[in-house]
Protein backbone atom coordinates (compact mmCIF):
# COMPACT_ATOMS: atom_id res chain seq x y z
CA MET A 1 24.50 93.00 18.42
CA PRO A 2 20.74 92.66 17.83
CA LYS A 3 18.36 94.67 19.94
CA PRO A 4 16.05 92.88 22.39
CA VAL A 5 12.44 92.49 21.30
CA ALA A 6 9.56 94.52 22.74
CA VAL A 7 6.00 93.45 21.92
CA VAL A 8 3.39 96.21 22.12
CA THR A 9 -0.32 95.47 21.76
CA GLY A 10 -2.79 98.07 20.57
CA ALA A 11 0.16 99.70 18.84
CA SER A 12 -1.62 101.42 15.99
CA ARG A 13 -2.76 104.52 17.88
CA GLY A 14 -2.75 106.42 21.17
CA ILE A 15 -0.66 105.11 24.05
CA GLY A 16 0.35 101.97 22.16
CA ARG A 17 1.69 103.86 19.18
CA ALA A 18 3.55 106.36 21.36
CA THR A 19 5.05 103.50 23.36
CA ALA A 20 6.17 101.62 20.26
CA LEU A 21 7.84 104.77 18.93
CA ARG A 22 9.52 105.50 22.28
CA LEU A 23 10.86 101.97 22.71
CA SER A 24 12.09 101.63 19.13
CA ALA A 25 15.33 103.40 20.01
CA ASP A 26 16.34 100.53 22.27
CA TYR A 27 14.23 97.59 21.13
CA GLU A 28 13.16 95.80 18.00
CA VAL A 29 9.43 96.40 18.16
CA VAL A 30 6.75 93.84 17.38
CA ALA A 31 3.62 95.95 16.96
CA ILE A 32 0.21 94.29 17.26
CA ALA A 33 -3.08 95.84 16.19
CA ARG A 34 -6.08 95.17 13.97
CA SER A 35 -5.45 97.94 11.40
CA GLN A 36 -2.97 97.11 8.64
CA ASP A 37 -2.89 100.71 7.38
CA GLU A 38 -2.14 102.19 10.79
CA LEU A 39 0.53 99.56 11.45
CA ASP A 40 2.14 100.32 8.08
CA SER A 41 2.25 103.98 9.06
CA LEU A 42 3.89 103.08 12.38
CA VAL A 43 6.48 100.88 10.66
CA ALA A 44 7.38 103.75 8.31
CA GLU A 45 7.67 106.26 11.15
CA ILE A 46 9.91 103.97 13.20
CA ALA A 47 12.06 103.32 10.12
CA ARG A 48 12.52 107.06 9.64
CA GLN A 49 13.85 107.18 13.19
CA GLY A 50 16.33 104.41 12.39
CA GLY A 51 14.46 101.63 14.18
CA ASP A 52 12.92 98.30 13.24
CA CYS A 53 9.26 97.37 13.63
CA HIS A 54 7.55 94.13 12.69
CA PRO A 55 3.77 94.48 12.40
CA ILE A 56 1.28 91.75 13.26
CA VAL A 57 -2.35 92.26 12.28
CA LEU A 58 -4.22 90.35 14.95
CA ASP A 59 -7.52 90.13 16.79
CA LEU A 60 -6.43 89.73 20.40
CA THR A 61 -9.81 88.29 21.36
CA ASP A 62 -9.06 85.19 19.25
CA PRO A 63 -7.00 82.89 21.51
CA ASP A 64 -5.93 80.50 18.75
CA ALA A 65 -4.79 83.35 16.51
CA VAL A 66 -2.80 84.90 19.36
CA ALA A 67 -1.07 81.61 20.15
CA ALA A 68 -0.17 81.05 16.50
CA ALA A 69 1.06 84.60 15.87
CA LEU A 70 3.31 84.71 18.95
CA ALA A 71 4.53 81.11 18.97
CA ASN A 72 8.02 82.02 17.77
CA VAL A 73 8.39 85.48 19.30
CA ASP A 74 11.12 85.75 21.94
CA ALA A 75 10.29 88.98 23.76
CA GLN A 76 12.33 90.68 26.44
CA VAL A 77 9.51 93.17 26.99
CA LEU A 78 5.75 92.85 26.65
CA VAL A 79 3.55 95.94 26.88
CA ASN A 80 -0.08 94.85 27.23
CA ASN A 81 -1.81 98.03 26.12
CA ALA A 82 -4.80 97.10 23.96
CA GLY A 83 -8.16 97.99 25.42
CA VAL A 84 -11.65 99.27 24.78
CA GLY A 85 -14.18 101.17 26.87
CA TYR A 86 -17.89 101.83 26.68
CA LEU A 87 -18.61 104.26 29.48
CA LYS A 88 -22.34 104.33 30.10
CA PRO A 89 -24.81 103.34 32.83
CA PHE A 90 -25.07 99.61 33.43
CA LEU A 91 -28.61 99.30 32.11
CA GLU A 92 -27.55 100.95 28.86
CA LEU A 93 -24.69 98.49 28.28
CA SER A 94 -25.33 95.76 25.76
CA ARG A 95 -24.14 92.21 26.35
CA ASP A 96 -21.85 92.60 23.33
CA GLU A 97 -20.23 95.74 24.75
CA TRP A 98 -19.71 93.99 28.09
CA SER A 99 -18.10 90.99 26.36
CA GLN A 100 -15.84 93.17 24.21
CA MET A 101 -14.43 94.93 27.26
CA VAL A 102 -13.90 91.75 29.25
CA ASP A 103 -12.39 89.90 26.28
CA LEU A 104 -9.94 92.62 25.22
CA ASN A 105 -9.18 94.40 28.50
CA PHE A 106 -8.76 91.26 30.58
CA ASN A 107 -9.00 87.89 28.81
CA ALA A 108 -6.46 88.93 26.17
CA LEU A 109 -3.95 89.49 28.99
CA PHE A 110 -4.01 85.75 29.60
CA ASP A 111 -3.46 84.78 25.98
CA VAL A 112 -0.72 87.28 25.11
CA THR A 113 1.16 86.92 28.39
CA ARG A 114 0.80 83.13 28.38
CA ALA A 115 2.33 83.02 24.89
CA LEU A 116 5.42 85.10 25.75
CA LEU A 117 6.11 84.50 29.44
CA PRO A 118 7.63 80.97 29.21
CA ARG A 119 10.66 82.22 27.26
CA MET A 120 11.22 85.01 29.78
CA ILE A 121 11.19 82.51 32.61
CA ALA A 122 13.50 80.15 30.72
CA ARG A 123 16.14 82.87 30.29
CA LYS A 124 15.41 84.34 33.75
CA SER A 125 14.95 87.80 32.28
CA GLY A 126 12.02 89.78 30.97
CA HIS A 127 9.50 92.47 31.79
CA VAL A 128 5.73 92.43 31.47
CA VAL A 129 4.11 95.88 31.59
CA VAL A 130 0.35 96.32 31.64
CA ILE A 131 -1.32 99.64 30.88
CA GLY A 132 -4.00 99.92 33.52
CA SER A 133 -5.93 102.99 34.63
CA ILE A 134 -6.68 104.97 37.75
CA ALA A 135 -10.11 103.41 37.23
CA GLY A 136 -8.46 100.28 38.59
CA ARG A 137 -8.55 101.73 42.11
CA SER A 138 -11.68 103.84 41.93
CA ALA A 139 -15.31 103.82 40.86
CA PHE A 140 -17.44 106.16 38.78
CA VAL A 141 -20.85 106.32 37.19
CA GLY A 142 -20.76 104.55 33.85
CA GLY A 143 -17.77 102.37 34.70
CA SER A 144 -19.47 99.19 35.91
CA CYS A 145 -17.64 97.03 33.37
CA TYR A 146 -14.67 99.14 32.31
CA ALA A 147 -13.56 99.88 35.87
CA ALA A 148 -14.16 96.26 36.80
CA THR A 149 -11.76 95.11 34.08
CA LYS A 150 -9.14 97.57 35.31
CA HIS A 151 -9.57 96.39 38.90
CA ALA A 152 -9.00 92.88 37.54
CA VAL A 153 -5.84 94.10 35.81
CA MET A 154 -4.49 95.32 39.14
CA ALA A 155 -5.05 91.95 40.78
CA PHE A 156 -3.63 90.07 37.81
CA THR A 157 -0.41 92.07 37.68
CA GLU A 158 0.26 91.86 41.41
CA CYS A 159 -0.38 88.12 41.58
CA LEU A 160 1.75 87.50 38.49
CA MET A 161 4.55 89.63 39.92
CA LEU A 162 4.62 87.50 43.06
CA GLU A 163 4.67 84.32 40.98
CA VAL A 164 7.52 85.14 38.60
CA ARG A 165 9.86 87.53 40.40
CA ASP A 166 12.05 84.67 41.64
CA ASN A 167 12.52 83.74 37.99
CA GLY A 168 14.05 87.12 37.19
CA VAL A 169 10.93 88.40 35.42
CA LYS A 170 9.50 91.81 36.33
CA VAL A 171 5.79 92.67 36.20
CA SER A 172 4.57 96.27 36.31
CA VAL A 173 1.34 98.18 35.84
CA VAL A 174 1.25 101.78 34.63
CA ASN A 175 -1.98 103.55 35.56
CA PRO A 176 -2.65 106.75 33.61
CA GLY A 177 -5.21 109.34 34.50
CA SER A 178 -7.01 111.13 31.68
CA VAL A 179 -5.07 110.87 28.41
CA ALA A 180 -5.67 112.95 25.29
CA THR A 181 -6.48 110.15 22.86
CA SER A 182 -9.47 109.11 20.75
CA PHE A 183 -10.54 107.01 23.76
CA SER A 184 -11.54 110.16 25.63
CA SER A 185 -14.90 111.77 24.93
CA ARG A 186 -13.96 115.09 26.57
CA SER A 187 -14.57 118.11 24.37
CA ASP A 188 -11.44 119.86 25.69
CA PRO A 189 -8.45 117.53 26.09
CA SER A 190 -5.93 120.35 26.56
CA TRP A 191 -5.49 119.68 30.28
CA MET A 192 -4.86 115.94 29.89
CA ILE A 193 -1.55 114.12 29.73
CA SER A 194 -0.40 113.00 26.28
CA PRO A 195 0.19 109.45 25.03
CA GLU A 196 3.87 110.38 24.89
CA ASP A 197 3.80 111.13 28.63
CA VAL A 198 2.57 107.58 29.28
CA ALA A 199 5.19 106.17 26.91
CA GLU A 200 7.90 107.96 28.89
CA ALA A 201 6.52 106.40 32.07
CA VAL A 202 6.71 102.95 30.48
CA ALA A 203 10.29 103.59 29.41
CA ALA A 204 11.18 104.71 32.95
CA VAL A 205 9.66 101.54 34.43
CA LEU A 206 11.75 99.45 32.03
CA ASP A 207 14.95 101.40 32.65
CA THR A 208 15.71 100.14 36.14
CA PRO A 209 18.62 98.10 37.50
CA PRO A 210 18.16 94.30 37.39
CA THR A 211 17.43 94.14 41.12
CA VAL A 212 14.91 97.01 41.12
CA LEU A 213 11.22 96.73 40.24
CA ILE A 214 8.73 99.56 39.86
CA HIS A 215 5.61 97.45 40.19
CA ARG A 216 2.89 100.11 40.20
CA LEU A 217 3.10 103.60 38.74
CA GLU A 218 0.35 106.21 38.51
CA VAL A 219 0.72 108.99 35.95
CA ARG A 220 -1.55 112.03 36.18
CA THR A 221 -1.80 115.53 34.84
CA LEU A 222 -0.76 118.38 37.10
CA THR A 223 -3.48 120.53 35.54
CA ALA A 224 -7.03 120.14 36.80
CA PRO A 225 -9.83 120.04 34.23
CA LYS A 226 -11.42 123.39 33.54
CA LYS A 227 -14.64 124.10 35.40
CA ARG A 228 -17.63 124.92 33.27
């Protein structure tokens, strides 16, 4: 019996890669990212673990390309993970940096989810997971755009959940705290949670009975950052 399909965006590194690897035991993974080399590496690693991964090299900020690439994908699970962040004071942000964050962190949610959700609704089964951030419920200096996109993610996921739950489709948001990835600029990441920790949280959200929904999950380190 074929495995159900899980689509993971931003799958070439960090949380996305860890999630693709974690889900490959139970799902046929469709991994989306912009780097062919990093996707090839992911495919090989999943194959060594006995799983299947189909890579799609794709710019998620191109709506037409997203629609074309996902037109025939029948996903049981979608993990919207791709994102970018420029953390700096508002007056130091360029218009291009602002647009990149809005386009990838938020607008791409529309295009990817819009492409895959109709089949979930038609079969009355599916799960959309969005990787948010604790920045989606807080504010900090340098986060005028990044935090705003994550606040938007929170509203999007809750509204979508209310719209589609009667169709048997689950919608969840996983909000990590500080994660030890290339996204972080911290000089000492030893106290942070790992991408694998977030991947385990995603797997836990997916592994619930049909009548149970974990809609919002916050994942944080138990270890406080070291004081200087």
